[in-house]
Amino acid sequence: AWYRQTPGTQRTLVADIATYGYITYADSVKGRFTISRDSAKT
């Protein structure tokens, strides 16, 4: 997962990708951000 934090706030989820590839995005970044990982998952 990728989280974002600004001063004085908690970390908020930006995007995540589950074990089998299911992806979610925060509404604010949908259509603009893309999360991915390599095949080795490193």
PDB file of all heavy atoms in Angstrom:
ATOM      1  N   ALA A   1       0.842  -1.186   0.000  1.00  0.00           N
ATOM      2  CA  ALA A   1       0.000   0.000   0.000  1.00  0.00           C
ATOM      3  C   ALA A   1       0.879   1.238   0.000  1.00  0.00           C
ATOM      4  O   ALA A   1       2.019   1.211   0.467  1.00  0.00           O
ATOM      5  CB  ALA A   1      -0.920   0.025   1.218  1.00  0.00           C
ATOM      6  N   TRP A   2       0.335   2.316  -0.519  1.00  0.00           N
ATOM      7  CA  TRP A   2       0.942   3.636  -0.427  1.00  0.00           C
ATOM      8  C   TRP A   2       0.024   4.503   0.421  1.00  0.00           C
ATOM      9  O   TRP A   2      -1.181   4.560   0.185  1.00  0.00           O
ATOM     10  CB  TRP A   2       1.116   4.260  -1.803  1.00  0.00           C
ATOM     11  CG  TRP A   2       2.215   3.649  -2.617  1.00  0.00           C
ATOM     12  CD1 TRP A   2       2.090   2.662  -3.553  1.00  0.00           C
ATOM     13  CD2 TRP A   2       3.605   3.984  -2.572  1.00  0.00           C
ATOM     14  NE1 TRP A   2       3.316   2.352  -4.081  1.00  0.00           N
ATOM     15  CE2 TRP A   2       4.265   3.154  -3.509  1.00  0.00           C
ATOM     16  CE3 TRP A   2       4.357   4.896  -1.846  1.00  0.00           C
ATOM     17  CZ2 TRP A   2       5.648   3.222  -3.725  1.00  0.00           C
ATOM     18  CZ3 TRP A   2       5.726   4.955  -2.063  1.00  0.00           C
ATOM     19  CH2 TRP A   2       6.357   4.121  -3.002  1.00  0.00           C
ATOM     20  N   TYR A   3       0.642   5.179   1.381  1.00  0.00           N
ATOM     21  CA  TYR A   3      -0.064   6.110   2.243  1.00  0.00           C
ATOM     22  C   TYR A   3       0.548   7.495   2.066  1.00  0.00           C
ATOM     23  O   TYR A   3       1.728   7.644   1.732  1.00  0.00           O
ATOM     24  CB  TYR A   3       0.065   5.697   3.711  1.00  0.00           C
ATOM     25  CG  TYR A   3      -0.852   4.583   4.139  1.00  0.00           C
ATOM     26  CD1 TYR A   3      -0.607   3.256   3.772  1.00  0.00           C
ATOM     27  CD2 TYR A   3      -1.961   4.843   4.940  1.00  0.00           C
ATOM     28  CE1 TYR A   3      -1.447   2.238   4.175  1.00  0.00           C
ATOM     29  CE2 TYR A   3      -2.807   3.826   5.355  1.00  0.00           C
ATOM     30  CZ  TYR A   3      -2.533   2.530   4.971  1.00  0.00           C
ATOM     31  OH  TYR A   3      -3.371   1.521   5.375  1.00  0.00           O
ATOM     32  N   ARG A   4      -0.239   8.488   2.350  1.00  0.00           N
ATOM     33  CA  ARG A   4       0.219   9.874   2.315  1.00  0.00           C
ATOM     34  C   ARG A   4      -0.048  10.519   3.674  1.00  0.00           C
ATOM     35  O   ARG A   4      -1.094  10.291   4.289  1.00  0.00           O
ATOM     36  CB  ARG A   4      -0.484  10.666   1.215  1.00  0.00           C
ATOM     37  CG  ARG A   4      -0.116  12.148   1.154  1.00  0.00           C
ATOM     38  CD  ARG A   4      -0.742  12.819  -0.051  1.00  0.00           C
ATOM     39  NE  ARG A   4      -2.201  12.797  -0.008  1.00  0.00           N
ATOM     40  CZ  ARG A   4      -2.950  12.430  -1.030  1.00  0.00           C
ATOM     41  NH1 ARG A   4      -2.409  12.048  -2.179  1.00  0.00           N
ATOM     42  NH2 ARG A   4      -4.276  12.456  -0.923  1.00  0.00           N
ATOM     43  N   GLN A   5       0.909  11.322   4.084  1.00  0.00           N
ATOM     44  CA  GLN A   5       0.745  12.050   5.349  1.00  0.00           C
ATOM     45  C   GLN A   5       1.175  13.486   5.164  1.00  0.00           C
ATOM     46  O   GLN A   5       2.214  13.773   4.561  1.00  0.00           O
ATOM     47  CB  GLN A   5       1.566  11.399   6.454  1.00  0.00           C
ATOM     48  CG  GLN A   5       1.332  11.997   7.828  1.00  0.00           C
ATOM     49  CD  GLN A   5       1.999  11.191   8.920  1.00  0.00           C
ATOM     50  OE1 GLN A   5       3.010  10.533   8.701  1.00  0.00           O
ATOM     51  NE2 GLN A   5       1.433  11.242  10.119  1.00  0.00           N
ATOM     52  N   THR A   6       0.361  14.394   5.692  1.00  0.00           N
ATOM     53  CA  THR A   6       0.705  15.815   5.725  1.00  0.00           C
ATOM     54  C   THR A   6       0.849  16.234   7.174  1.00  0.00           C
ATOM     55  O   THR A   6       0.331  15.563   8.077  1.00  0.00           O
ATOM     56  CB  THR A   6      -0.359  16.662   5.014  1.00  0.00           C
ATOM     57  OG1 THR A   6      -1.640  16.394   5.592  1.00  0.00           O
ATOM     58  CG2 THR A   6      -0.407  16.332   3.528  1.00  0.00           C
ATOM     59  N   PRO A   7       1.552  17.339   7.426  1.00  0.00           N
ATOM     60  CA  PRO A   7       1.797  17.746   8.821  1.00  0.00           C
ATOM     61  C   PRO A   7       0.513  17.859   9.632  1.00  0.00           C
ATOM     62  O   PRO A   7      -0.465  18.474   9.193  1.00  0.00           O
ATOM     63  CB  PRO A   7       2.487  19.103   8.660  1.00  0.00           C
ATOM     64  CG  PRO A   7       3.181  19.008   7.350  1.00  0.00           C
ATOM     65  CD  PRO A   7       2.251  18.218   6.475  1.00  0.00           C
ATOM     66  N   GLY A   8       0.538  17.259  10.804  1.00  0.00           N
ATOM     67  CA  GLY A   8      -0.595  17.353  11.705  1.00  0.00           C
ATOM     68  C   GLY A   8      -1.745  16.417  11.398  1.00  0.00           C
ATOM     69  O   GLY A   8      -2.789  16.493  12.057  1.00  0.00           O
ATOM     70  N   THR A   9      -1.555  15.540  10.425  1.00  0.00           N
ATOM     71  CA  THR A   9      -2.629  14.608  10.080  1.00  0.00           C
ATOM     72  C   THR A   9      -2.126  13.168  10.158  1.00  0.00           C
ATOM     73  O   THR A   9      -0.919  12.923  10.177  1.00  0.00           O
ATOM     74  CB  THR A   9      -3.173  14.875   8.666  1.00  0.00           C
ATOM     75  OG1 THR A   9      -2.167  14.524   7.694  1.00  0.00           O
ATOM     76  CG2 THR A   9      -3.548  16.337   8.493  1.00  0.00           C
ATOM     77  N   GLN A  10      -3.074  12.247  10.180  1.00  0.00           N
ATOM     78  CA  GLN A  10      -2.704  10.835  10.150  1.00  0.00           C
ATOM     79  C   GLN A  10      -2.427  10.415   8.718  1.00  0.00           C
ATOM     80  O   GLN A  10      -2.845  11.059   7.758  1.00  0.00           O
ATOM     81  CB  GLN A  10      -3.842   9.988  10.724  1.00  0.00           C
ATOM     82  CG  GLN A  10      -4.067  10.175  12.207  1.00  0.00           C
ATOM     83  CD  GLN A  10      -5.113   9.215  12.751  1.00  0.00           C
ATOM     84  OE1 GLN A  10      -6.047   8.841  12.052  1.00  0.00           O
ATOM     85  NE2 GLN A  10      -4.960   8.805  13.993  1.00  0.00           N
ATOM     86  N   ARG A  11      -1.728   9.318   8.607  1.00  0.00           N
ATOM     87  CA  ARG A  11      -1.494   8.750   7.282  1.00  0.00           C
ATOM     88  C   ARG A  11      -2.824   8.264   6.707  1.00  0.00           C
ATOM     89  O   ARG A  11      -3.631   7.639   7.407  1.00  0.00           O
ATOM     90  CB  ARG A  11      -0.510   7.581   7.348  1.00  0.00           C
ATOM     91  CG  ARG A  11       0.882   8.002   7.766  1.00  0.00           C
ATOM     92  CD  ARG A  11       1.822   6.821   7.850  1.00  0.00           C
ATOM     93  NE  ARG A  11       3.086   7.225   8.467  1.00  0.00           N
ATOM     94  CZ  ARG A  11       4.122   6.429   8.662  1.00  0.00           C
ATOM     95  NH1 ARG A  11       4.059   5.149   8.291  1.00  0.00           N
ATOM     96  NH2 ARG A  11       5.225   6.877   9.229  1.00  0.00           N
ATOM     97  N   THR A  12      -3.029   8.561   5.443  1.00  0.00           N
ATOM     98  CA  THR A  12      -4.241   8.107   4.773  1.00  0.00           C
ATOM     99  C   THR A  12      -3.868   7.228   3.581  1.00  0.00           C
ATOM    100  O   THR A  12      -2.855   7.465   2.916  1.00  0.00           O
ATOM    101  CB  THR A  12      -5.104   9.280   4.298  1.00  0.00           C
ATOM    102  OG1 THR A  12      -4.321  10.104   3.418  1.00  0.00           O
ATOM    103  CG2 THR A  12      -5.600  10.117   5.458  1.00  0.00           C
ATOM    104  N   LEU A  13      -4.710   6.261   3.336  1.00  0.00           N
ATOM    105  CA  LEU A  13      -4.456   5.323   2.254  1.00  0.00           C
ATOM    106  C   LEU A  13      -4.648   6.001   0.907  1.00  0.00           C
ATOM    107  O   LEU A  13      -5.677   6.626   0.656  1.00  0.00           O
ATOM    108  CB  LEU A  13      -5.388   4.124   2.375  1.00  0.00           C
ATOM    109  CG  LEU A  13      -5.241   3.041   1.302  1.00  0.00           C
ATOM    110  CD1 LEU A  13      -3.891   2.351   1.432  1.00  0.00           C
ATOM    111  CD2 LEU A  13      -6.369   2.021   1.406  1.00  0.00           C
ATOM    112  N   VAL A  14      -3.659   5.825   0.046  1.00  0.00           N
ATOM    113  CA  VAL A  14      -3.749   6.354  -1.316  1.00  0.00           C
ATOM    114  C   VAL A  14      -4.151   5.243  -2.280  1.00  0.00           C
ATOM    115  O   VAL A  14      -5.035   5.411  -3.116  1.00  0.00           O
ATOM    116  CB  VAL A  14      -2.405   6.964  -1.750  1.00  0.00           C
ATOM    117  CG1 VAL A  14      -2.446   7.383  -3.215  1.00  0.00           C
ATOM    118  CG2 VAL A  14      -2.033   8.145  -0.856  1.00  0.00           C
ATOM    119  N   ALA A  15      -3.483   4.105  -2.150  1.00  0.00           N
ATOM    120  CA  ALA A  15      -3.777   2.970  -3.033  1.00  0.00           C
ATOM    121  C   ALA A  15      -3.193   1.718  -2.409  1.00  0.00           C
ATOM    122  O   ALA A  15      -2.218   1.797  -1.654  1.00  0.00           O
ATOM    123  CB  ALA A  15      -3.186   3.184  -4.427  1.00  0.00           C
ATOM    124  N   ASP A  16      -3.808   0.580  -2.705  1.00  0.00           N
ATOM    125  CA  ASP A  16      -3.213  -0.668  -2.270  1.00  0.00           C
ATOM    126  C   ASP A  16      -3.474  -1.762  -3.287  1.00  0.00           C
ATOM    127  O   ASP A  16      -4.365  -1.657  -4.139  1.00  0.00           O
ATOM    128  CB  ASP A  16      -3.655  -1.076  -0.864  1.00  0.00           C
ATOM    129  CG  ASP A  16      -5.129  -1.410  -0.739  1.00  0.00           C
ATOM    130  OD1 ASP A  16      -5.854  -1.314  -1.744  1.00  0.00           O
ATOM    131  OD2 ASP A  16      -5.553  -1.767   0.382  1.00  0.00           O
ATOM    132  N   ILE A  17      -2.656  -2.798  -3.176  1.00  0.00           N
ATOM    133  CA  ILE A  17      -2.784  -3.951  -4.060  1.00  0.00           C
ATOM    134  C   ILE A  17      -2.652  -5.191  -3.205  1.00  0.00           C
ATOM    135  O   ILE A  17      -1.702  -5.353  -2.452  1.00  0.00           O
ATOM    136  CB  ILE A  17      -1.728  -3.895  -5.195  1.00  0.00           C
ATOM    137  CG1 ILE A  17      -1.864  -5.097  -6.117  1.00  0.00           C
ATOM    138  CG2 ILE A  17      -0.319  -3.769  -4.652  1.00  0.00           C
ATOM    139  CD1 ILE A  17      -1.057  -4.942  -7.407  1.00  0.00           C
ATOM    140  N   ALA A  18      -3.652  -6.047  -3.313  1.00  0.00           N
ATOM    141  CA  ALA A  18      -3.700  -7.235  -2.477  1.00  0.00           C
ATOM    142  C   ALA A  18      -2.886  -8.372  -3.094  1.00  0.00           C
ATOM    143  O   ALA A  18      -2.378  -8.268  -4.209  1.00  0.00           O
ATOM    144  CB  ALA A  18      -5.154  -7.658  -2.287  1.00  0.00           C
ATOM    145  N   THR A  19      -2.800  -9.444  -2.336  1.00  0.00           N
ATOM    146  CA  THR A  19      -1.962 -10.569  -2.727  1.00  0.00           C
ATOM    147  C   THR A  19      -2.272 -11.058  -4.141  1.00  0.00           C
ATOM    148  O   THR A  19      -1.360 -11.306  -4.932  1.00  0.00           O
ATOM    149  CB  THR A  19      -2.129 -11.726  -1.743  1.00  0.00           C
ATOM    150  OG1 THR A  19      -1.785 -11.271  -0.434  1.00  0.00           O
ATOM    151  CG2 THR A  19      -1.252 -12.900  -2.130  1.00  0.00           C
ATOM    152  N   TYR A  20      -3.539 -11.169  -4.449  1.00  0.00           N
ATOM    153  CA  TYR A  20      -3.913 -11.705  -5.756  1.00  0.00           C
ATOM    154  C   TYR A  20      -4.205 -10.619  -6.779  1.00  0.00           C
ATOM    155  O   TYR A  20      -4.798 -10.889  -7.817  1.00  0.00           O
ATOM    156  CB  TYR A  20      -5.093 -12.667  -5.601  1.00  0.00           C
ATOM    157  CG  TYR A  20      -4.699 -13.868  -4.780  1.00  0.00           C
ATOM    158  CD1 TYR A  20      -5.150 -14.016  -3.470  1.00  0.00           C
ATOM    159  CD2 TYR A  20      -3.842 -14.834  -5.292  1.00  0.00           C
ATOM    160  CE1 TYR A  20      -4.767 -15.107  -2.706  1.00  0.00           C
ATOM    161  CE2 TYR A  20      -3.454 -15.923  -4.539  1.00  0.00           C
ATOM    162  CZ  TYR A  20      -3.918 -16.053  -3.244  1.00  0.00           C
ATOM    163  OH  TYR A  20      -3.539 -17.131  -2.494  1.00  0.00           O
ATOM    164  N   GLY A  21      -3.796  -9.382  -6.447  1.00  0.00           N
ATOM    165  CA  GLY A  21      -3.839  -8.319  -7.442  1.00  0.00           C
ATOM    166  C   GLY A  21      -4.996  -7.373  -7.373  1.00  0.00           C
ATOM    167  O   GLY A  21      -5.098  -6.458  -8.193  1.00  0.00           O
ATOM    168  N   TYR A  22      -5.909  -7.565  -6.415  1.00  0.00           N
ATOM    169  CA  TYR A  22      -7.044  -6.636  -6.314  1.00  0.00           C
ATOM    170  C   TYR A  22      -6.522  -5.274  -5.868  1.00  0.00           C
ATOM    171  O   TYR A  22      -5.781  -5.170  -4.903  1.00  0.00           O
ATOM    172  CB  TYR A  22      -8.079  -7.160  -5.325  1.00  0.00           C
ATOM    173  CG  TYR A  22      -9.324  -6.325  -5.280  1.00  0.00           C
ATOM    174  CD1 TYR A  22     -10.290  -6.429  -6.276  1.00  0.00           C
ATOM    175  CD2 TYR A  22      -9.542  -5.413  -4.243  1.00  0.00           C
ATOM    176  CE1 TYR A  22     -11.443  -5.665  -6.236  1.00  0.00           C
ATOM    177  CE2 TYR A  22     -10.688  -4.649  -4.203  1.00  0.00           C
ATOM    178  CZ  TYR A  22     -11.632  -4.771  -5.197  1.00  0.00           C
ATOM    179  OH  TYR A  22     -12.763  -4.003  -5.161  1.00  0.00           O
ATOM    180  N   ILE A  23      -6.958  -4.240  -6.562  1.00  0.00           N
ATOM    181  CA  ILE A  23      -6.434  -2.893  -6.340  1.00  0.00           C
ATOM    182  C   ILE A  23      -7.554  -1.960  -5.907  1.00  0.00           C
ATOM    183  O   ILE A  23      -8.678  -2.029  -6.432  1.00  0.00           O
ATOM    184  CB  ILE A  23      -5.776  -2.353  -7.624  1.00  0.00           C
ATOM    185  CG1 ILE A  23      -4.471  -3.108  -7.912  1.00  0.00           C
ATOM    186  CG2 ILE A  23      -5.488  -0.860  -7.512  1.00  0.00           C
ATOM    187  CD1 ILE A  23      -3.835  -2.762  -9.241  1.00  0.00           C
ATOM    188  N   THR A  24      -7.241  -1.097  -4.953  1.00  0.00           N
ATOM    189  CA  THR A  24      -8.159  -0.032  -4.570  1.00  0.00           C
ATOM    190  C   THR A  24      -7.412   1.301  -4.567  1.00  0.00           C
ATOM    191  O   THR A  24      -6.198   1.340  -4.342  1.00  0.00           O
ATOM    192  CB  THR A  24      -8.787  -0.267  -3.195  1.00  0.00           C
ATOM    193  OG1 THR A  24      -7.745  -0.305  -2.206  1.00  0.00           O
ATOM    194  CG2 THR A  24      -9.560  -1.574  -3.151  1.00  0.00           C
ATOM    195  N   TYR A  25      -8.169   2.349  -4.809  1.00  0.00           N
ATOM    196  CA  TYR A  25      -7.631   3.713  -4.811  1.00  0.00           C
ATOM    197  C   TYR A  25      -8.517   4.613  -3.973  1.00  0.00           C
ATOM    198  O   TYR A  25      -9.741   4.444  -3.922  1.00  0.00           O
ATOM    199  CB  TYR A  25      -7.580   4.281  -6.236  1.00  0.00           C
ATOM    200  CG  TYR A  25      -6.628   3.587  -7.172  1.00  0.00           C
ATOM    201  CD1 TYR A  25      -7.093   2.666  -8.110  1.00  0.00           C
ATOM    202  CD2 TYR A  25      -5.272   3.858  -7.136  1.00  0.00           C
ATOM    203  CE1 TYR A  25      -6.224   2.023  -8.969  1.00  0.00           C
ATOM    204  CE2 TYR A  25      -4.388   3.223  -7.997  1.00  0.00           C
ATOM    205  CZ  TYR A  25      -4.864   2.309  -8.907  1.00  0.00           C
ATOM    206  OH  TYR A  25      -3.999   1.685  -9.771  1.00  0.00           O
ATOM    207  N   ALA A  26      -7.887   5.601  -3.359  1.00  0.00           N
ATOM    208  CA  ALA A  26      -8.669   6.659  -2.746  1.00  0.00           C
ATOM    209  C   ALA A  26      -9.402   7.410  -3.852  1.00  0.00           C
ATOM    210  O   ALA A  26      -8.893   7.552  -4.968  1.00  0.00           O
ATOM    211  CB  ALA A  26      -7.743   7.610  -1.989  1.00  0.00           C
ATOM    212  N   ASP A  27     -10.586   7.882  -3.540  1.00  0.00           N
ATOM    213  CA  ASP A  27     -11.385   8.575  -4.561  1.00  0.00           C
ATOM    214  C   ASP A  27     -10.628   9.751  -5.166  1.00  0.00           C
ATOM    215  O   ASP A  27     -10.773  10.049  -6.352  1.00  0.00           O
ATOM    216  CB  ASP A  27     -12.699   9.071  -3.954  1.00  0.00           C
ATOM    217  CG  ASP A  27     -13.670   7.934  -3.676  1.00  0.00           C
ATOM    218  OD1 ASP A  27     -13.490   6.841  -4.239  1.00  0.00           O
ATOM    219  OD2 ASP A  27     -14.621   8.154  -2.884  1.00  0.00           O
ATOM    220  N   SER A  28      -9.821  10.406  -4.357  1.00  0.00           N
ATOM    221  CA  SER A  28      -9.142  11.618  -4.811  1.00  0.00           C
ATOM    222  C   SER A  28      -8.075  11.356  -5.864  1.00  0.00           C
ATOM    223  O   SER A  28      -7.645  12.294  -6.548  1.00  0.00           O
ATOM    224  CB  SER A  28      -8.505  12.340  -3.621  1.00  0.00           C
ATOM    225  OG  SER A  28      -7.526  11.522  -3.005  1.00  0.00           O
ATOM    226  N   VAL A  29      -7.639  10.096  -5.998  1.00  0.00           N
ATOM    227  CA  VAL A  29      -6.561   9.802  -6.951  1.00  0.00           C
ATOM    228  C   VAL A  29      -7.011   8.896  -8.093  1.00  0.00           C
ATOM    229  O   VAL A  29      -6.218   8.611  -8.995  1.00  0.00           O
ATOM    230  CB  VAL A  29      -5.337   9.183  -6.244  1.00  0.00           C
ATOM    231  CG1 VAL A  29      -4.889  10.064  -5.081  1.00  0.00           C
ATOM    232  CG2 VAL A  29      -5.606   7.764  -5.782  1.00  0.00           C
ATOM    233  N   LYS A  30      -8.249   8.439  -8.049  1.00  0.00           N
ATOM    234  CA  LYS A  30      -8.734   7.545  -9.105  1.00  0.00           C
ATOM    235  C   LYS A  30      -8.607   8.210 -10.471  1.00  0.00           C
ATOM    236  O   LYS A  30      -8.954   9.372 -10.647  1.00  0.00           O
ATOM    237  CB  LYS A  30     -10.190   7.164  -8.840  1.00  0.00           C
ATOM    238  CG  LYS A  30     -10.369   6.132  -7.752  1.00  0.00           C
ATOM    239  CD  LYS A  30     -11.840   5.797  -7.540  1.00  0.00           C
ATOM    240  CE  LYS A  30     -12.004   4.769  -6.432  1.00  0.00           C
ATOM    241  NZ  LYS A  30     -13.433   4.485  -6.143  1.00  0.00           N
ATOM    242  N   GLY A  31      -8.070   7.450 -11.407  1.00  0.00           N
ATOM    243  CA  GLY A  31      -7.903   7.956 -12.756  1.00  0.00           C
ATOM    244  C   GLY A  31      -6.604   8.707 -12.964  1.00  0.00           C
ATOM    245  O   GLY A  31      -6.246   9.037 -14.101  1.00  0.00           O
ATOM    246  N   ARG A  32      -5.889   8.995 -11.876  1.00  0.00           N
ATOM    247  CA  ARG A  32      -4.628   9.734 -11.993  1.00  0.00           C
ATOM    248  C   ARG A  32      -3.430   8.913 -11.520  1.00  0.00           C
ATOM    249  O   ARG A  32      -2.329   9.065 -12.048  1.00  0.00           O
ATOM    250  CB  ARG A  32      -4.696  11.027 -11.175  1.00  0.00           C
ATOM    251  CG  ARG A  32      -5.788  11.985 -11.621  1.00  0.00           C
ATOM    252  CD  ARG A  32      -5.670  13.331 -10.901  1.00  0.00           C
ATOM    253  NE  ARG A  32      -5.847  13.218  -9.463  1.00  0.00           N
ATOM    254  CZ  ARG A  32      -4.918  13.571  -8.569  1.00  0.00           C
ATOM    255  NH1 ARG A  32      -3.754  14.065  -8.963  1.00  0.00           N
ATOM    256  NH2 ARG A  32      -5.154  13.433  -7.269  1.00  0.00           N
ATOM    257  N   PHE A  33      -3.636   8.075 -10.517  1.00  0.00           N
ATOM    258  CA  PHE A  33      -2.553   7.285  -9.937  1.00  0.00           C
ATOM    259  C   PHE A  33      -2.721   5.809 -10.324  1.00  0.00           C
ATOM    260  O   PHE A  33      -3.848   5.320 -10.463  1.00  0.00           O
ATOM    261  CB  PHE A  33      -2.559   7.379  -8.417  1.00  0.00           C
ATOM    262  CG  PHE A  33      -2.140   8.718  -7.856  1.00  0.00           C
ATOM    263  CD1 PHE A  33      -2.033   9.847  -8.653  1.00  0.00           C
ATOM    264  CD2 PHE A  33      -1.844   8.830  -6.507  1.00  0.00           C
ATOM    265  CE1 PHE A  33      -1.658  11.065  -8.118  1.00  0.00           C
ATOM    266  CE2 PHE A  33      -1.452  10.035  -5.955  1.00  0.00           C
ATOM    267  CZ  PHE A  33      -1.370  11.160  -6.762  1.00  0.00           C
ATOM    268  N   THR A  34      -1.579   5.137 -10.452  1.00  0.00           N
ATOM    269  CA  THR A  34      -1.586   3.713 -10.735  1.00  0.00           C
ATOM    270  C   THR A  34      -0.584   3.012  -9.833  1.00  0.00           C
ATOM    271  O   THR A  34       0.599   3.377  -9.815  1.00  0.00           O
ATOM    272  CB  THR A  34      -1.226   3.440 -12.200  1.00  0.00           C
ATOM    273  OG1 THR A  34      -2.132   4.135 -13.066  1.00  0.00           O
ATOM    274  CG2 THR A  34      -1.294   1.944 -12.490  1.00  0.00           C
ATOM    275  N   ILE A  35      -1.060   2.014  -9.106  1.00  0.00           N
ATOM    276  CA  ILE A  35      -0.189   1.224  -8.239  1.00  0.00           C
ATOM    277  C   ILE A  35       0.162  -0.065  -8.966  1.00  0.00           C
ATOM    278  O   ILE A  35      -0.676  -0.641  -9.676  1.00  0.00           O
ATOM    279  CB  ILE A  35      -0.867   0.935  -6.879  1.00  0.00           C
ATOM    280  CG1 ILE A  35       0.114   0.290  -5.904  1.00  0.00           C
ATOM    281  CG2 ILE A  35      -2.118   0.092  -7.060  1.00  0.00           C
ATOM    282  CD1 ILE A  35      -0.439   0.155  -4.480  1.00  0.00           C
ATOM    283  N   SER A  36       1.399  -0.514  -8.769  1.00  0.00           N
ATOM    284  CA  SER A  36       1.821  -1.769  -9.393  1.00  0.00           C
ATOM    285  C   SER A  36       3.012  -2.324  -8.622  1.00  0.00           C
ATOM    286  O   SER A  36       3.551  -1.670  -7.718  1.00  0.00           O
ATOM    287  CB  SER A  36       2.197  -1.544 -10.861  1.00  0.00           C
ATOM    288  OG  SER A  36       3.305  -0.674 -10.979  1.00  0.00           O
ATOM    289  N   ARG A  37       3.402  -3.527  -8.966  1.00  0.00           N
ATOM    290  CA  ARG A  37       4.593  -4.143  -8.377  1.00  0.00           C
ATOM    291  C   ARG A  37       5.185  -5.087  -9.406  1.00  0.00           C
ATOM    292  O   ARG A  37       4.503  -5.526 -10.330  1.00  0.00           O
ATOM    293  CB  ARG A  37       4.248  -4.894  -7.075  1.00  0.00           C
ATOM    294  CG  ARG A  37       3.296  -6.037  -7.280  1.00  0.00           C
ATOM    295  CD  ARG A  37       2.763  -6.591  -5.971  1.00  0.00           C
ATOM    296  NE  ARG A  37       1.671  -7.524  -6.268  1.00  0.00           N
ATOM    297  CZ  ARG A  37       0.790  -7.937  -5.377  1.00  0.00           C
ATOM    298  NH1 ARG A  37       0.863  -7.520  -4.116  1.00  0.00           N
ATOM    299  NH2 ARG A  37      -0.159  -8.777  -5.744  1.00  0.00           N
ATOM    300  N   ASP A  38       6.459  -5.412  -9.196  1.00  0.00           N
ATOM    301  CA  ASP A  38       7.093  -6.298 -10.158  1.00  0.00           C
ATOM    302  C   ASP A  38       6.712  -7.750  -9.865  1.00  0.00           C
ATOM    303  O   ASP A  38       6.099  -8.043  -8.828  1.00  0.00           O
ATOM    304  CB  ASP A  38       8.606  -6.105 -10.157  1.00  0.00           C
ATOM    305  CG  ASP A  38       9.277  -6.518  -8.857  1.00  0.00           C
ATOM    306  OD1 ASP A  38       8.575  -6.923  -7.910  1.00  0.00           O
ATOM    307  OD2 ASP A  38      10.519  -6.403  -8.788  1.00  0.00           O
ATOM    308  N   SER A  39       7.063  -8.639 -10.783  1.00  0.00           N
ATOM    309  CA  SER A  39       6.633 -10.032 -10.642  1.00  0.00           C
ATOM    310  C   SER A  39       7.271 -10.709  -9.433  1.00  0.00           C
ATOM    311  O   SER A  39       6.705 -11.636  -8.867  1.00  0.00           O
ATOM    312  CB  SER A  39       6.966 -10.812 -11.918  1.00  0.00           C
ATOM    313  OG  SER A  39       8.359 -10.746 -12.185  1.00  0.00           O
ATOM    314  N   ALA A  40       8.437 -10.237  -9.026  1.00  0.00           N
ATOM    315  CA  ALA A  40       9.098 -10.815  -7.851  1.00  0.00           C
ATOM    316  C   ALA A  40       8.512 -10.287  -6.551  1.00  0.00           C
ATOM    317  O   ALA A  40       8.813 -10.805  -5.465  1.00  0.00           O
ATOM    318  CB  ALA A  40      10.600 -10.508  -7.898  1.00  0.00           C
ATOM    319  N   LYS A  41       7.688  -9.259  -6.680  1.00  0.00           N
ATOM    320  CA  LYS A  41       7.059  -8.617  -5.521  1.00  0.00           C
ATOM    321  C   LYS A  41       8.098  -8.083  -4.546  1.00  0.00           C
ATOM    322  O   LYS A  41       7.912  -8.122  -3.323  1.00  0.00           O
ATOM    323  CB  LYS A  41       6.082  -9.554  -4.810  1.00  0.00           C
ATOM    324  CG  LYS A  41       4.904  -9.966  -5.697  1.00  0.00           C
ATOM    325  CD  LYS A  41       3.929 -10.826  -4.946  1.00  0.00           C
ATOM    326  CE  LYS A  41       2.700 -11.154  -5.761  1.00  0.00           C
ATOM    327  NZ  LYS A  41       2.973 -11.912  -6.973  1.00  0.00           N
ATOM    328  N   THR A  42       9.183  -7.557  -5.103  1.00  0.00           N
ATOM    329  CA  THR A  42      10.188  -6.917  -4.259  1.00  0.00           C
ATOM    330  C   THR A  42      10.331  -5.427  -4.558  1.00  0.00           C
ATOM    331  O   THR A  42      11.090  -4.729  -3.886  1.00  0.00           O
ATOM    332  CB  THR A  42      11.565  -7.588  -4.423  1.00  0.00           C
ATOM    333  OG1 THR A  42      11.940  -7.555  -5.804  1.00  0.00           O
ATOM    334  CG2 THR A  42      11.519  -9.030  -3.929  1.00  0.00           C
TER     335      THR A  42
END
